[in-house]
Amino acid sequence: MNDIIIVSIAIFILIAAIVIYGVVSTSMGYEEDVNKNYIPDRLERMLGMDPKAKKDEEV
């Protein structure tokens, strides 16, 4: 039971660290974030995603 709690806490800390890194690095200008989702474009390319800027749609 204790192992499940430790693993859950470790996963939560890992996800929180990734989010904090994304917010800090994009707001400080270290990384580029074209689509403004707080995930640096370099990380998105490493994961195989294509970071594109969202086009504004006129209604």
Protein backbone atom coordinates (compact mmCIF):
# COMPACT_ATOMS: atom_id res chain seq x y z
CA MET A 1 0.00 0.00 0.00
CA ASN A 2 2.83 2.37 0.82
CA ASP A 3 4.40 1.66 -2.57
CA ILE A 4 1.27 2.86 -4.37
CA ILE A 5 1.29 6.12 -2.41
CA ILE A 6 4.99 6.72 -3.08
CA VAL A 7 4.59 6.06 -6.81
CA SER A 8 1.53 8.33 -6.99
CA ILE A 9 3.40 11.15 -5.26
CA ALA A 10 6.40 10.69 -7.56
CA ILE A 11 4.20 10.85 -10.67
CA PHE A 12 2.45 13.97 -9.36
CA ILE A 13 5.81 15.65 -8.66
CA LEU A 14 7.08 14.74 -12.14
CA ILE A 15 4.01 16.17 -13.87
CA ALA A 16 4.12 19.32 -11.71
CA ALA A 17 7.82 19.80 -12.53
CA ILE A 18 7.13 19.56 -16.27
CA VAL A 19 4.30 22.10 -16.04
CA ILE A 20 6.39 24.49 -13.92
CA TYR A 21 9.32 24.15 -16.35
CA GLY A 22 7.04 24.94 -19.28
CA VAL A 23 5.52 28.01 -17.65
CA VAL A 24 8.83 29.42 -16.42
CA SER A 25 10.82 28.73 -19.57
CA THR A 26 8.23 30.22 -21.92
CA SER A 27 7.52 33.27 -19.76
CA MET A 28 11.25 34.02 -19.28
CA GLY A 29 11.88 33.65 -23.02
CA TYR A 30 14.19 30.62 -22.85
CA GLU A 31 11.88 28.48 -24.96
CA GLU A 32 9.47 29.30 -27.77
CA ASP A 33 5.77 28.44 -27.46
CA VAL A 34 3.94 29.22 -30.69
CA ASN A 35 0.57 27.70 -29.74
CA LYS A 36 0.53 29.12 -26.16
CA ASN A 37 -0.15 25.84 -24.34
CA TYR A 38 2.77 26.20 -21.88
CA ILE A 39 4.53 23.21 -23.40
CA PRO A 40 7.77 24.33 -25.08
CA ASP A 41 7.87 23.64 -28.82
CA ARG A 42 11.17 21.76 -28.48
CA LEU A 43 9.49 19.26 -26.13
CA GLU A 44 6.51 18.90 -28.47
CA ARG A 45 8.84 18.13 -31.39
CA MET A 46 10.68 15.53 -29.27
CA LEU A 47 7.34 13.82 -28.56
CA GLY A 48 6.45 13.81 -32.27
CA MET A 49 3.82 16.54 -32.18
CA ASP A 50 3.74 19.44 -34.63
CA PRO A 51 3.52 22.78 -32.78
CA LYS A 52 1.54 25.17 -34.94
CA ALA A 53 0.05 28.51 -34.05
CA LYS A 54 -3.71 28.47 -33.84
CA LYS A 55 -5.35 30.54 -36.54
CA ASP A 56 -7.87 33.12 -35.43
CA GLU A 57 -11.22 32.34 -36.98
CA GLU A 58 -13.45 35.25 -37.80
CA VAL A 59 -17.14 34.71 -37.20
